[in-house]
Amino acid sequence: MRELLTIALEQQGMTVVSAASGTQALAELVREGVDLMLCDLSLPDMDGDVLLTRIRNEQSGPPAIAISGYRI
């Protein structure tokens, strides 16, 4: 899904920074400034809620949209 969203957003002319894990996302946010973050609630190394909380607490991060492929 991450790769599909990357392709779709790039086709709309957006610059996309993609990360496969929460740890990688934190590193990319430090390296690249972003305007909006799409975050899956299920990440391989941490819960998406934990990632969003860390970003808000540590660096007043960008606006975020949480997504999930699971039914809640």
N, C-alpha and C. Protein backbone atom coordinates (compact mmCIF):
# COMPACT_ATOMS: atom_id res chain seq x y z
N MET A 1 0.83 -1.19 0.00
CA MET A 1 0.00 0.00 0.00
C MET A 1 0.88 1.25 0.00
N ARG A 2 1.99 1.21 0.77
CA ARG A 2 2.89 2.36 0.83
C ARG A 2 3.42 2.70 -0.56
N GLU A 3 3.82 1.69 -1.31
CA GLU A 3 4.36 1.92 -2.65
C GLU A 3 3.28 2.45 -3.60
N LEU A 4 2.07 1.92 -3.48
CA LEU A 4 0.96 2.38 -4.32
C LEU A 4 0.63 3.85 -4.02
N LEU A 5 0.57 4.21 -2.75
CA LEU A 5 0.31 5.61 -2.39
C LEU A 5 1.43 6.52 -2.87
N THR A 6 2.66 6.06 -2.77
CA THR A 6 3.80 6.85 -3.24
C THR A 6 3.65 7.15 -4.73
N ILE A 7 3.35 6.13 -5.52
CA ILE A 7 3.19 6.30 -6.96
C ILE A 7 2.03 7.26 -7.27
N ALA A 8 0.90 7.04 -6.61
CA ALA A 8 -0.28 7.87 -6.87
C ALA A 8 -0.02 9.34 -6.53
N LEU A 9 0.63 9.60 -5.41
CA LEU A 9 0.90 10.98 -5.00
C LEU A 9 1.94 11.63 -5.90
N GLU A 10 2.96 10.87 -6.30
CA GLU A 10 3.97 11.42 -7.21
C GLU A 10 3.36 11.74 -8.57
N GLN A 11 2.42 10.93 -9.02
CA GLN A 11 1.75 11.21 -10.30
C GLN A 11 0.93 12.49 -10.24
N GLN A 12 0.55 12.89 -9.03
CA GLN A 12 -0.18 14.16 -8.84
C GLN A 12 0.78 15.34 -8.66
N GLY A 13 2.08 15.08 -8.79
CA GLY A 13 3.07 16.14 -8.72
C GLY A 13 3.63 16.40 -7.33
N MET A 14 3.33 15.54 -6.39
CA MET A 14 3.82 15.74 -5.02
C MET A 14 5.17 15.05 -4.83
N THR A 15 5.98 15.63 -3.97
CA THR A 15 7.24 15.00 -3.57
C THR A 15 6.94 14.12 -2.37
N VAL A 16 7.36 12.86 -2.44
CA VAL A 16 7.02 11.89 -1.41
C VAL A 16 8.29 11.37 -0.75
N VAL A 17 8.30 11.34 0.57
CA VAL A 17 9.36 10.69 1.35
C VAL A 17 8.69 9.50 2.00
N SER A 18 9.18 8.30 1.71
CA SER A 18 8.54 7.08 2.17
C SER A 18 9.41 6.38 3.20
N ALA A 19 8.78 5.76 4.19
CA ALA A 19 9.51 5.01 5.22
C ALA A 19 8.77 3.70 5.49
N ALA A 20 9.53 2.63 5.64
CA ALA A 20 8.94 1.30 5.84
C ALA A 20 8.72 0.97 7.31
N SER A 21 9.21 1.82 8.22
CA SER A 21 9.07 1.54 9.65
C SER A 21 8.98 2.85 10.42
N GLY A 22 8.59 2.75 11.68
CA GLY A 22 8.54 3.92 12.53
C GLY A 22 9.91 4.54 12.75
N THR A 23 10.90 3.69 12.95
CA THR A 23 12.27 4.16 13.16
C THR A 23 12.77 4.92 11.93
N GLN A 24 12.51 4.36 10.76
CA GLN A 24 12.91 5.02 9.52
C GLN A 24 12.15 6.33 9.34
N ALA A 25 10.88 6.35 9.70
CA ALA A 25 10.09 7.58 9.58
C ALA A 25 10.65 8.69 10.46
N LEU A 26 11.03 8.35 11.70
CA LEU A 26 11.63 9.35 12.58
C LEU A 26 12.91 9.92 11.98
N ALA A 27 13.74 9.05 11.41
CA ALA A 27 14.99 9.50 10.79
C ALA A 27 14.71 10.39 9.58
N GLU A 28 13.73 10.02 8.77
CA GLU A 28 13.39 10.81 7.59
C GLU A 28 12.81 12.17 7.96
N LEU A 29 12.05 12.23 9.03
CA LEU A 29 11.48 13.51 9.46
C LEU A 29 12.56 14.47 9.92
N VAL A 30 13.63 13.94 10.50
CA VAL A 30 14.76 14.79 10.89
C VAL A 30 15.51 15.27 9.66
N ARG A 31 15.68 14.37 8.70
CA ARG A 31 16.45 14.66 7.48
C ARG A 31 15.67 15.52 6.49
N GLU A 32 14.39 15.27 6.34
CA GLU A 32 13.55 15.94 5.34
C GLU A 32 12.39 16.64 6.06
N GLY A 33 12.17 17.89 5.77
CA GLY A 33 10.97 18.55 6.28
C GLY A 33 9.77 18.09 5.45
N VAL A 34 8.67 17.81 6.09
CA VAL A 34 7.48 17.38 5.36
C VAL A 34 6.30 18.26 5.74
N ASP A 35 5.36 18.38 4.81
CA ASP A 35 4.17 19.20 5.04
C ASP A 35 3.01 18.41 5.62
N LEU A 36 2.97 17.11 5.34
CA LEU A 36 1.88 16.25 5.79
C LEU A 36 2.41 14.83 5.92
N MET A 37 1.94 14.13 6.92
CA MET A 37 2.38 12.76 7.13
C MET A 37 1.19 11.81 7.09
N LEU A 38 1.31 10.74 6.29
CA LEU A 38 0.35 9.64 6.30
C LEU A 38 1.01 8.53 7.10
N CYS A 39 0.33 8.02 8.10
CA CYS A 39 0.94 7.03 8.98
C CYS A 39 0.01 5.84 9.17
N ASP A 40 0.52 4.66 8.88
CA ASP A 40 -0.24 3.44 9.13
C ASP A 40 -0.24 3.19 10.64
N LEU A 41 -1.34 2.73 11.17
CA LEU A 41 -1.41 2.44 12.60
C LEU A 41 -0.67 1.14 12.96
N SER A 42 -0.38 0.33 11.95
CA SER A 42 0.33 -0.93 12.18
C SER A 42 1.68 -0.88 11.47
N LEU A 43 2.74 -0.67 12.23
CA LEU A 43 4.09 -0.61 11.69
C LEU A 43 4.89 -1.81 12.19
N PRO A 44 5.92 -2.23 11.47
CA PRO A 44 6.65 -3.43 11.88
C PRO A 44 7.41 -3.30 13.20
N ASP A 45 7.83 -2.08 13.54
CA ASP A 45 8.66 -1.93 14.73
C ASP A 45 8.03 -1.12 15.87
N MET A 46 6.91 -0.47 15.61
CA MET A 46 6.21 0.26 16.67
C MET A 46 4.78 0.53 16.24
N ASP A 47 3.94 0.81 17.19
CA ASP A 47 2.55 1.15 16.91
C ASP A 47 2.50 2.55 16.31
N GLY A 48 1.64 2.75 15.32
CA GLY A 48 1.52 4.06 14.69
C GLY A 48 1.14 5.16 15.66
N ASP A 49 0.33 4.84 16.66
CA ASP A 49 -0.02 5.82 17.70
C ASP A 49 1.22 6.27 18.47
N VAL A 50 2.10 5.34 18.74
CA VAL A 50 3.35 5.66 19.45
C VAL A 50 4.20 6.59 18.60
N LEU A 51 4.30 6.28 17.31
CA LEU A 51 5.08 7.14 16.40
C LEU A 51 4.52 8.55 16.37
N LEU A 52 3.22 8.68 16.21
CA LEU A 52 2.61 10.00 16.14
C LEU A 52 2.80 10.77 17.44
N THR A 53 2.68 10.09 18.57
CA THR A 53 2.89 10.74 19.87
C THR A 53 4.33 11.21 20.01
N ARG A 54 5.28 10.37 19.62
CA ARG A 54 6.70 10.76 19.70
C ARG A 54 6.99 11.98 18.84
N ILE A 55 6.42 11.99 17.64
CA ILE A 55 6.66 13.12 16.74
C ILE A 55 6.08 14.40 17.34
N ARG A 56 4.88 14.32 17.87
CA ARG A 56 4.25 15.51 18.48
C ARG A 56 5.03 15.99 19.71
N ASN A 57 5.49 15.06 20.54
CA ASN A 57 6.19 15.42 21.77
C ASN A 57 7.60 15.94 21.53
N GLU A 58 8.29 15.38 20.55
CA GLU A 58 9.69 15.71 20.34
C GLU A 58 9.92 16.88 19.41
N GLN A 59 9.06 17.08 18.43
CA GLN A 59 9.37 18.09 17.44
C GLN A 59 8.16 18.83 16.89
N SER A 60 7.05 18.79 17.59
CA SER A 60 5.82 19.40 17.09
C SER A 60 5.71 19.18 15.58
N GLY A 61 5.59 17.92 15.22
CA GLY A 61 5.63 17.46 13.84
C GLY A 61 4.53 17.99 12.96
N PRO A 62 4.55 17.53 11.71
CA PRO A 62 3.58 18.01 10.73
C PRO A 62 2.20 17.45 11.01
N PRO A 63 1.17 18.02 10.38
CA PRO A 63 -0.16 17.41 10.47
C PRO A 63 -0.08 15.97 9.98
N ALA A 64 -0.89 15.11 10.56
CA ALA A 64 -0.82 13.69 10.21
C ALA A 64 -2.21 13.11 9.99
N ILE A 65 -2.26 12.15 9.08
CA ILE A 65 -3.46 11.36 8.83
C ILE A 65 -3.10 9.92 9.13
N ALA A 66 -3.80 9.31 10.07
CA ALA A 66 -3.56 7.90 10.41
C ALA A 66 -4.46 7.03 9.56
N ILE A 67 -3.89 5.97 9.00
CA ILE A 67 -4.64 5.06 8.15
C ILE A 67 -4.43 3.63 8.65
N SER A 68 -5.31 2.74 8.27
CA SER A 68 -5.16 1.34 8.66
C SER A 68 -5.88 0.46 7.65
N GLY A 69 -5.31 -0.70 7.40
CA GLY A 69 -5.95 -1.67 6.55
C GLY A 69 -6.81 -2.64 7.34
N TYR A 70 -6.83 -2.46 8.65
CA TYR A 70 -7.60 -3.35 9.52
C TYR A 70 -8.91 -2.71 9.90
N ARG A 71 -9.92 -3.54 10.09
CA ARG A 71 -11.20 -3.03 10.58
C ARG A 71 -11.10 -2.83 12.08
N ILE A 72 -11.61 -1.72 12.51
CA ILE A 72 -11.57 -1.41 13.96
C ILE A 72 -12.93 -1.61 14.54
